[in-house]
């Protein structure tokens, strides 16, 4: 049974979620997601279900540990979790999705205590090796609130039975378990080599709810890295070049001032 928590989402383009906990209530999050907490909140860091669950999360690039924040005081206390890059925080009420929600592994922010966080994979392992973000997913199970983060703007799609949508794998935030999810190869040599959209797309087939994001972190990181490399070659100067030199240093070059 998940804890019943109150919350408010603060901010516009760089949002955080502040959660109000009654005495004894708790919320769990990936290690490093917490922004601030009031006196009386106690932290309990665990593997979130045993050594092998932690090892499985670490294998797919997630944190080995899950941190629980529990109100050990006598009155209402608050704890807040910040989004890792510009975008929106989405509150997911799991009972409205049949007690289960599927999301990208980087989308999960926090959830009420009692929500189970499981790692799942696409059906086609061979395709998944080259399918980018769409290969590894997280299944959130329980009867409480879950908070996920989307980069840029959030788009909610309601798919009818049999209705399909093909999406860049990184643009998928999450979807209800009734949605069929698959990764498909983009046909055509020129499409795959010169299309610039990757060689795989996620195919989502209804019925169900789908959340999409306009700015996946992988796309943002690729643009920053490309700009930094371009600047380090001496092809751009001035203010842009200066900023590129700094970013280039962060990505493996020498930082210049």
C-alpha atoms as a PDB file:
ATOM      1  CA  UNK A   1       0.000   0.000   0.000  1.00  0.00           C
ATOM      2  CA  UNK A   2       1.577   3.296  -1.105  1.00  0.00           C
ATOM      3  CA  UNK A   3       1.531   6.377   1.104  1.00  0.00           C
ATOM      4  CA  UNK A   4      -1.007   9.082   0.220  1.00  0.00           C
ATOM      5  CA  UNK A   5       0.990  12.281  -0.278  1.00  0.00           C
ATOM      6  CA  UNK A   6       0.219  15.906  -1.072  1.00  0.00           C
ATOM      7  CA  UNK A   7       2.378  17.844  -3.498  1.00  0.00           C
ATOM      8  CA  UNK A   8       2.813  20.975  -5.574  1.00  0.00           C
ATOM      9  CA  UNK A   9       4.833  21.484  -8.736  1.00  0.00           C
ATOM     10  CA  UNK A  10       6.863  24.701  -8.688  1.00  0.00           C
ATOM     11  CA  UNK A  11       8.403  26.577 -11.614  1.00  0.00           C
ATOM     12  CA  UNK A  12       7.875  26.823 -15.340  1.00  0.00           C
ATOM     13  CA  UNK A  13      10.740  25.638 -17.547  1.00  0.00           C
ATOM     14  CA  UNK A  14      12.903  24.217 -14.766  1.00  0.00           C
ATOM     15  CA  UNK A  15      10.401  22.585 -12.445  1.00  0.00           C
ATOM     16  CA  UNK A  16      10.635  20.895  -9.075  1.00  0.00           C
ATOM     17  CA  UNK A  17       8.063  18.984  -7.056  1.00  0.00           C
ATOM     18  CA  UNK A  18       7.614  19.733  -3.351  1.00  0.00           C
ATOM     19  CA  UNK A  19       5.994  16.917  -1.382  1.00  0.00           C
ATOM     20  CA  UNK A  20       4.229  17.318   1.963  1.00  0.00           C
ATOM     21  CA  UNK A  21       4.559  14.349   4.290  1.00  0.00           C
ATOM     22  CA  UNK A  22       2.491  13.608   7.365  1.00  0.00           C
ATOM     23  CA  UNK A  23       4.273  11.904  10.291  1.00  0.00           C
ATOM     24  CA  UNK A  24       5.384   8.439   9.225  1.00  0.00           C
ATOM     25  CA  UNK A  25       4.780   9.056   5.505  1.00  0.00           C
ATOM     26  CA  UNK A  26       7.574   8.679   3.005  1.00  0.00           C
ATOM     27  CA  UNK A  27       8.668   9.217  -0.575  1.00  0.00           C
ATOM     28  CA  UNK A  28      11.393   7.448  -2.537  1.00  0.00           C
ATOM     29  CA  UNK A  29      13.693   8.721  -5.264  1.00  0.00           C
ATOM     30  CA  UNK A  30      16.786   7.880  -7.258  1.00  0.00           C
ATOM     31  CA  UNK A  31      19.981   8.840  -5.424  1.00  0.00           C
ATOM     32  CA  UNK A  32      20.875  12.493  -6.097  1.00  0.00           C
ATOM     33  CA  UNK A  33      17.380  13.759  -6.991  1.00  0.00           C
ATOM     34  CA  UNK A  34      16.659  15.549  -3.691  1.00  0.00           C
ATOM     35  CA  UNK A  35      16.820  19.369  -3.732  1.00  0.00           C
ATOM     36  CA  UNK A  36      15.959  20.289  -0.123  1.00  0.00           C
ATOM     37  CA  UNK A  37      14.225  18.850   2.940  1.00  0.00           C
ATOM     38  CA  UNK A  38      13.010  20.203   6.261  1.00  0.00           C
ATOM     39  CA  UNK A  39      14.161  19.154   9.720  1.00  0.00           C
ATOM     40  CA  UNK A  40      12.513  15.921  10.738  1.00  0.00           C
ATOM     41  CA  UNK A  41      12.906  14.210   7.366  1.00  0.00           C
ATOM     42  CA  UNK A  42      15.023  11.075   7.694  1.00  0.00           C
ATOM     43  CA  UNK A  43      16.955   9.535   4.790  1.00  0.00           C
ATOM     44  CA  UNK A  44      17.189   5.783   4.378  1.00  0.00           C
ATOM     45  CA  UNK A  45      19.289   4.602   1.434  1.00  0.00           C
ATOM     46  CA  UNK A  46      18.753   0.993   0.325  1.00  0.00           C
ATOM     47  CA  UNK A  47      19.051  -1.172  -2.764  1.00  0.00           C
ATOM     48  CA  UNK A  48      15.286  -0.918  -3.171  1.00  0.00           C
ATOM     49  CA  UNK A  49      14.497  -4.611  -2.879  1.00  0.00           C
ATOM     50  CA  UNK A  50      17.755  -6.478  -2.462  1.00  0.00           C
ATOM     51  CA  UNK A  51      21.239  -6.701  -3.925  1.00  0.00           C
ATOM     52  CA  UNK A  52      20.174  -8.147  -7.283  1.00  0.00           C
ATOM     53  CA  UNK A  53      17.587  -5.425  -7.899  1.00  0.00           C
ATOM     54  CA  UNK A  54      20.244  -2.808  -7.244  1.00  0.00           C
ATOM     55  CA  UNK A  55      22.706  -4.641  -9.486  1.00  0.00           C
ATOM     56  CA  UNK A  56      20.141  -4.830 -12.286  1.00  0.00           C
ATOM     57  CA  UNK A  57      19.526  -1.064 -12.110  1.00  0.00           C
ATOM     58  CA  UNK A  58      23.269  -0.397 -12.138  1.00  0.00           C
ATOM     59  CA  UNK A  59      23.708  -2.674 -15.157  1.00  0.00           C
ATOM     60  CA  UNK A  60      21.302  -0.551 -17.219  1.00  0.00           C
ATOM     61  CA  UNK A  61      22.850   2.760 -16.135  1.00  0.00           C
ATOM     62  CA  UNK A  62      20.646   3.608 -13.147  1.00  0.00           C
ATOM     63  CA  UNK A  63      21.721   4.247  -9.567  1.00  0.00           C
ATOM     64  CA  UNK A  64      22.447   1.140  -7.492  1.00  0.00           C
ATOM     65  CA  UNK A  65      20.632   2.704  -4.530  1.00  0.00           C
ATOM     66  CA  UNK A  66      17.152   4.074  -3.880  1.00  0.00           C
ATOM     67  CA  UNK A  67      16.730   6.695  -1.151  1.00  0.00           C
ATOM     68  CA  UNK A  68      13.623   6.833   1.054  1.00  0.00           C
ATOM     69  CA  UNK A  69      12.719  10.145   2.716  1.00  0.00           C
ATOM     70  CA  UNK A  70      10.495   9.568   5.761  1.00  0.00           C
ATOM     71  CA  UNK A  71       8.876  12.121   8.035  1.00  0.00           C
ATOM     72  CA  UNK A  72      10.119  11.090  11.450  1.00  0.00           C
ATOM     73  CA  UNK A  73       8.844  14.245  13.166  1.00  0.00           C
ATOM     74  CA  UNK A  74       5.558  15.185  14.784  1.00  0.00           C
ATOM     75  CA  UNK A  75       4.123  17.612  12.210  1.00  0.00           C
ATOM     76  CA  UNK A  76       3.879  18.038   8.459  1.00  0.00           C
ATOM     77  CA  UNK A  77       7.275  18.226   6.722  1.00  0.00           C
ATOM     78  CA  UNK A  78       8.348  19.009   3.162  1.00  0.00           C
ATOM     79  CA  UNK A  79      10.932  17.550   0.813  1.00  0.00           C
ATOM     80  CA  UNK A  80      11.571  18.663  -2.771  1.00  0.00           C
ATOM     81  CA  UNK A  81      13.050  17.009  -5.850  1.00  0.00           C
ATOM     82  CA  UNK A  82      14.435  18.971  -8.789  1.00  0.00           C
ATOM     83  CA  UNK A  83      14.362  18.127 -12.476  1.00  0.00           C
ATOM     84  CA  UNK A  84      17.860  17.402 -13.882  1.00  0.00           C
ATOM     85  CA  UNK A  85      17.461  19.606 -17.002  1.00  0.00           C
ATOM     86  CA  UNK A  86      14.879  22.056 -18.445  1.00  0.00           C
ATOM     87  CA  UNK A  87      11.440  20.555 -18.812  1.00  0.00           C
ATOM     88  CA  UNK A  88       8.264  19.596 -16.979  1.00  0.00           C
ATOM     89  CA  UNK A  89       7.357  17.364 -14.044  1.00  0.00           C
ATOM     90  CA  UNK A  90       4.345  15.102 -14.625  1.00  0.00           C
ATOM     91  CA  UNK A  91       2.310  13.630 -11.768  1.00  0.00           C
ATOM     92  CA  UNK A  92       1.087  10.113 -12.563  1.00  0.00           C
ATOM     93  CA  UNK A  93      -1.719   8.649 -10.416  1.00  0.00           C
ATOM     94  CA  UNK A  94      -1.097   4.921 -10.877  1.00  0.00           C
ATOM     95  CA  UNK A  95      -4.662   3.734 -10.049  1.00  0.00           C
ATOM     96  CA  UNK A  96      -5.864   5.656 -13.126  1.00  0.00           C
ATOM     97  CA  UNK A  97      -3.538   3.492 -15.236  1.00  0.00           C
ATOM     98  CA  UNK A  98      -4.499   0.199 -13.656  1.00  0.00           C
ATOM     99  CA  UNK A  99      -1.754   0.331 -11.040  1.00  0.00           C
ATOM    100  CA  UNK A 100       1.112   0.333 -13.517  1.00  0.00           C
ATOM    101  CA  UNK A 101       2.988   2.795 -15.725  1.00  0.00           C
ATOM    102  CA  UNK A 102       5.936   2.317 -18.109  1.00  0.00           C
ATOM    103  CA  UNK A 103       8.518   5.088 -18.525  1.00  0.00           C
ATOM    104  CA  UNK A 104      11.957   5.773 -19.950  1.00  0.00           C
ATOM    105  CA  UNK A 105      14.709   4.903 -17.490  1.00  0.00           C
ATOM    106  CA  UNK A 106      15.819   8.559 -17.258  1.00  0.00           C
ATOM    107  CA  UNK A 107      12.281   9.906 -16.748  1.00  0.00           C
ATOM    108  CA  UNK A 108      11.618   8.660 -13.202  1.00  0.00           C
ATOM    109  CA  UNK A 109      12.032  11.384 -10.565  1.00  0.00           C
ATOM    110  CA  UNK A 110      10.351  10.176  -7.349  1.00  0.00           C
ATOM    111  CA  UNK A 111       7.283   8.361  -6.021  1.00  0.00           C
ATOM    112  CA  UNK A 112       5.279   7.677  -2.886  1.00  0.00           C
ATOM    113  CA  UNK A 113       6.721   5.081  -0.526  1.00  0.00           C
ATOM    114  CA  UNK A 114       5.365   1.671  -1.436  1.00  0.00           C
ATOM    115  CA  UNK A 115       5.702   2.048  -5.215  1.00  0.00           C
ATOM    116  CA  UNK A 116       7.776  -0.728  -6.789  1.00  0.00           C
ATOM    117  CA  UNK A 117      10.371   0.297  -9.385  1.00  0.00           C
ATOM    118  CA  UNK A 118      11.290  -2.461 -11.805  1.00  0.00           C
ATOM    119  CA  UNK A 119      13.586  -2.466 -14.822  1.00  0.00           C
ATOM    120  CA  UNK A 120      12.174  -3.962 -18.007  1.00  0.00           C
ATOM    121  CA  UNK A 121      13.392  -4.374 -21.576  1.00  0.00           C
ATOM    122  CA  UNK A 122      11.946  -4.316 -25.051  1.00  0.00           C
ATOM    123  CA  UNK A 123      10.940  -7.661 -26.506  1.00  0.00           C
ATOM    124  CA  UNK A 124      13.560  -7.661 -29.262  1.00  0.00           C
ATOM    125  CA  UNK A 125      16.968  -7.799 -27.606  1.00  0.00           C
ATOM    126  CA  UNK A 126      18.923  -7.608 -30.879  1.00  0.00           C
ATOM    127  CA  UNK A 127      17.069  -4.508 -32.028  1.00  0.00           C
ATOM    128  CA  UNK A 128      17.287  -3.035 -28.549  1.00  0.00           C
ATOM    129  CA  UNK A 129      21.084  -3.057 -28.633  1.00  0.00           C
ATOM    130  CA  UNK A 130      20.935  -0.406 -31.348  1.00  0.00           C
ATOM    131  CA  UNK A 131      17.602   1.211 -30.520  1.00  0.00           C
ATOM    132  CA  UNK A 132      18.920   3.941 -28.199  1.00  0.00           C
ATOM    133  CA  UNK A 133      16.845   4.992 -25.209  1.00  0.00           C
ATOM    134  CA  UNK A 134      13.917   2.773 -26.174  1.00  0.00           C
ATOM    135  CA  UNK A 135      15.660  -0.461 -25.158  1.00  0.00           C
ATOM    136  CA  UNK A 136      15.580   0.008 -21.383  1.00  0.00           C
ATOM    137  CA  UNK A 137      12.344   0.981 -19.632  1.00  0.00           C
ATOM    138  CA  UNK A 138      11.119   1.181 -16.050  1.00  0.00           C
ATOM    139  CA  UNK A 139       7.866  -0.343 -14.806  1.00  0.00           C
ATOM    140  CA  UNK A 140       6.312   1.544 -11.888  1.00  0.00           C
ATOM    141  CA  UNK A 141       3.812  -0.563  -9.952  1.00  0.00           C
ATOM    142  CA  UNK A 142       1.528   0.379  -7.053  1.00  0.00           C
ATOM    143  CA  UNK A 143      -1.492   2.432  -6.052  1.00  0.00           C
ATOM    144  CA  UNK A 144      -0.010   5.880  -5.372  1.00  0.00           C
ATOM    145  CA  UNK A 145       1.591   8.880  -7.044  1.00  0.00           C
ATOM    146  CA  UNK A 146       4.646   8.795  -9.284  1.00  0.00           C
ATOM    147  CA  UNK A 147       6.493  11.835 -10.653  1.00  0.00           C
ATOM    148  CA  UNK A 148       8.333  11.679 -13.956  1.00  0.00           C
ATOM    149  CA  UNK A 149      10.319  14.345 -15.783  1.00  0.00           C
ATOM    150  CA  UNK A 150      10.049  15.311 -19.462  1.00  0.00           C
ATOM    151  CA  UNK A 151      12.530  17.490 -21.345  1.00  0.00           C
ATOM    152  CA  UNK A 152      11.195  20.602 -23.084  1.00  0.00           C
ATOM    153  CA  UNK A 153       7.440  20.540 -23.652  1.00  0.00           C
ATOM    154  CA  UNK A 154       5.128  17.657 -22.742  1.00  0.00           C
ATOM    155  CA  UNK A 155       2.709  16.240 -25.289  1.00  0.00           C
ATOM    156  CA  UNK A 156      -0.054  13.900 -24.134  1.00  0.00           C
ATOM    157  CA  UNK A 157      -1.583  11.576 -26.748  1.00  0.00           C
ATOM    158  CA  UNK A 158      -4.681   9.437 -26.290  1.00  0.00           C
ATOM    159  CA  UNK A 159      -4.434   6.524 -28.711  1.00  0.00           C
ATOM    160  CA  UNK A 160      -7.558   4.687 -29.821  1.00  0.00           C
ATOM    161  CA  UNK A 161      -7.608   0.892 -30.165  1.00  0.00           C
ATOM    162  CA  UNK A 162      -5.373  -0.036 -33.098  1.00  0.00           C
ATOM    163  CA  UNK A 163      -4.160   3.556 -33.589  1.00  0.00           C
ATOM    164  CA  UNK A 164      -0.372   3.760 -33.977  1.00  0.00           C
ATOM    165  CA  UNK A 165       2.203   6.477 -33.561  1.00  0.00           C
ATOM    166  CA  UNK A 166       5.846   6.258 -34.634  1.00  0.00           C
ATOM    167  CA  UNK A 167       8.170   8.316 -32.449  1.00  0.00           C
ATOM    168  CA  UNK A 168      11.879   8.953 -32.027  1.00  0.00           C
ATOM    169  CA  UNK A 169      12.875   6.559 -29.245  1.00  0.00           C
ATOM    170  CA  UNK A 170      14.256   9.356 -27.071  1.00  0.00           C
ATOM    171  CA  UNK A 171      11.036  11.389 -27.260  1.00  0.00           C
ATOM    172  CA  UNK A 172       8.982   8.788 -25.384  1.00  0.00           C
ATOM    173  CA  UNK A 173       8.503   9.717 -21.714  1.00  0.00           C
ATOM    174  CA  UNK A 174       6.096   6.967 -20.725  1.00  0.00           C
ATOM    175  CA  UNK A 175       2.821   5.217 -21.477  1.00  0.00           C
ATOM    176  CA  UNK A 176       0.044   3.170 -19.921  1.00  0.00           C
ATOM    177  CA  UNK A 177       0.499  -0.631 -19.883  1.00  0.00           C
ATOM    178  CA  UNK A 178      -2.338  -1.083 -22.390  1.00  0.00           C
ATOM    179  CA  UNK A 179      -0.161   0.511 -25.083  1.00  0.00           C
ATOM    180  CA  UNK A 180       1.826  -1.935 -27.205  1.00  0.00           C
ATOM    181  CA  UNK A 181       5.454  -0.809 -27.530  1.00  0.00           C
ATOM    182  CA  UNK A 182       7.876  -1.948 -30.205  1.00  0.00           C
ATOM    183  CA  UNK A 183      11.064  -0.702 -31.865  1.00  0.00           C
ATOM    184  CA  UNK A 184      11.160  -0.731 -35.663  1.00  0.00           C
ATOM    185  CA  UNK A 185      13.965  -0.302 -38.178  1.00  0.00           C
ATOM    186  CA  UNK A 186      13.630   2.612 -40.604  1.00  0.00           C
ATOM    187  CA  UNK A 187      13.526   1.149 -44.086  1.00  0.00           C
ATOM    188  CA  UNK A 188      15.728   2.400 -46.886  1.00  0.00           C
ATOM    189  CA  UNK A 189      19.493   2.847 -47.067  1.00  0.00           C
ATOM    190  CA  UNK A 190      19.374   6.617 -47.544  1.00  0.00           C
ATOM    191  CA  UNK A 191      16.864   7.068 -44.711  1.00  0.00           C
ATOM    192  CA  UNK A 192      19.075   5.129 -42.338  1.00  0.00           C
ATOM    193  CA  UNK A 193      22.356   6.728 -43.395  1.00  0.00           C
ATOM    194  CA  UNK A 194      21.352  10.339 -44.095  1.00  0.00           C
ATOM    195  CA  UNK A 195      17.967  10.833 -42.407  1.00  0.00           C
ATOM    196  CA  UNK A 196      19.488  12.277 -39.239  1.00  0.00           C
ATOM    197  CA  UNK A 197      16.759  10.735 -37.043  1.00  0.00           C
ATOM    198  CA  UNK A 198      18.479   7.513 -36.046  1.00  0.00           C
ATOM    199  CA  UNK A 199      17.841   4.134 -37.653  1.00  0.00           C
ATOM    200  CA  UNK A 200      15.120   2.998 -35.252  1.00  0.00           C
ATOM    201  CA  UNK A 201      11.749   4.408 -34.217  1.00  0.00           C
ATOM    202  CA  UNK A 202       9.433   3.448 -31.382  1.00  0.00           C
ATOM    203  CA  UNK A 203       6.003   2.269 -32.531  1.00  0.00           C
ATOM    204  CA  UNK A 204       3.237   2.840 -29.985  1.00  0.00           C
ATOM    205  CA  UNK A 205      -0.145   1.216 -30.622  1.00  0.00           C
ATOM    206  CA  UNK A 206      -3.285   1.991 -28.624  1.00  0.00           C
ATOM    207  CA  UNK A 207      -5.438   1.970 -26.733  1.00  0.00           C
ATOM    208  CA  UNK A 208      -3.926   4.064 -23.989  1.00  0.00           C
ATOM    209  CA  UNK A 209      -2.143   7.234 -22.914  1.00  0.00           C
ATOM    210  CA  UNK A 210       1.276   8.251 -24.190  1.00  0.00           C
ATOM    211  CA  UNK A 211       3.459  11.108 -22.901  1.00  0.00           C
ATOM    212  CA  UNK A 212       6.092  12.559 -25.236  1.00  0.00           C
ATOM    213  CA  UNK A 213       8.872  15.117 -24.728  1.00  0.00           C
ATOM    214  CA  UNK A 214      10.118  17.687 -27.234  1.00  0.00           C
ATOM    215  CA  UNK A 215      13.713  17.782 -25.910  1.00  0.00           C
ATOM    216  CA  UNK A 216      15.248  14.437 -24.885  1.00  0.00           C
ATOM    217  CA  UNK A 217      18.408  14.896 -22.844  1.00  0.00           C
ATOM    218  CA  UNK A 218      20.374  12.764 -25.318  1.00  0.00           C
ATOM    219  CA  UNK A 219      19.511  15.210 -28.115  1.00  0.00           C
ATOM    220  CA  UNK A 220      20.477  18.210 -25.974  1.00  0.00           C
ATOM    221  CA  UNK A 221      23.776  16.578 -24.988  1.00  0.00           C
ATOM    222  CA  UNK A 222      24.593  15.717 -28.607  1.00  0.00           C
ATOM    223  CA  UNK A 223      24.079  19.337 -29.719  1.00  0.00           C
ATOM    224  CA  UNK A 224      26.229  20.717 -26.898  1.00  0.00           C
ATOM    225  CA  UNK A 225      28.976  18.199 -27.566  1.00  0.00           C
ATOM    226  CA  UNK A 226      28.927  18.904 -31.318  1.00  0.00           C
ATOM    227  CA  UNK A 227      29.130  22.650 -30.719  1.00  0.00           C
ATOM    228  CA  UNK A 228      32.009  22.178 -28.288  1.00  0.00           C
ATOM    229  CA  UNK A 229      33.997  20.064 -30.755  1.00  0.00           C
ATOM    230  CA  UNK A 230      33.324  22.564 -33.538  1.00  0.00           C
ATOM    231  CA  UNK A 231      34.655  25.398 -31.380  1.00  0.00           C
ATOM    232  CA  UNK A 232      37.724  23.486 -30.233  1.00  0.00           C
ATOM    233  CA  UNK A 233      38.827  23.122 -33.828  1.00  0.00           C
ATOM    234  CA  UNK A 234      39.155  26.907 -33.986  1.00  0.00           C
ATOM    235  CA  UNK A 235      36.329  27.387 -36.462  1.00  0.00           C
ATOM    236  CA  UNK A 236      34.289  29.633 -34.173  1.00  0.00           C
ATOM    237  CA  UNK A 237      35.540  32.567 -32.118  1.00  0.00           C
ATOM    238  CA  UNK A 238      34.203  35.338 -29.934  1.00  0.00           C
ATOM    239  CA  UNK A 239      31.642  34.687 -27.221  1.00  0.00           C
ATOM    240  CA  UNK A 240      30.407  31.455 -28.834  1.00  0.00           C
ATOM    241  CA  UNK A 241      33.953  30.201 -29.109  1.00  0.00           C
ATOM    242  CA  UNK A 242      34.682  31.035 -25.502  1.00  0.00           C
ATOM    243  CA  UNK A 243      31.607  29.139 -24.315  1.00  0.00           C
ATOM    244  CA  UNK A 244      32.447  26.249 -26.619  1.00  0.00           C
ATOM    245  CA  UNK A 245      35.968  26.044 -25.195  1.00  0.00           C
ATOM    246  CA  UNK A 246      34.560  25.699 -21.694  1.00  0.00           C
ATOM    247  CA  UNK A 247      32.047  23.081 -22.766  1.00  0.00           C
ATOM    248  CA  UNK A 248      34.759  21.325 -24.707  1.00  0.00           C
ATOM    249  CA  UNK A 249      36.805  21.099 -21.529  1.00  0.00           C
ATOM    250  CA  UNK A 250      33.877  19.524 -19.739  1.00  0.00           C
ATOM    251  CA  UNK A 251      33.598  16.917 -22.466  1.00  0.00           C
ATOM    252  CA  UNK A 252      37.241  15.931 -22.496  1.00  0.00           C
ATOM    253  CA  UNK A 253      39.221  18.869 -23.893  1.00  0.00           C
ATOM    254  CA  UNK A 254      41.236  21.507 -22.121  1.00  0.00           C
ATOM    255  CA  UNK A 255      39.194  24.213 -20.358  1.00  0.00           C
ATOM    256  CA  UNK A 256      40.200  27.682 -21.576  1.00  0.00           C
ATOM    257  CA  UNK A 257      39.556  31.041 -19.944  1.00  0.00           C
END
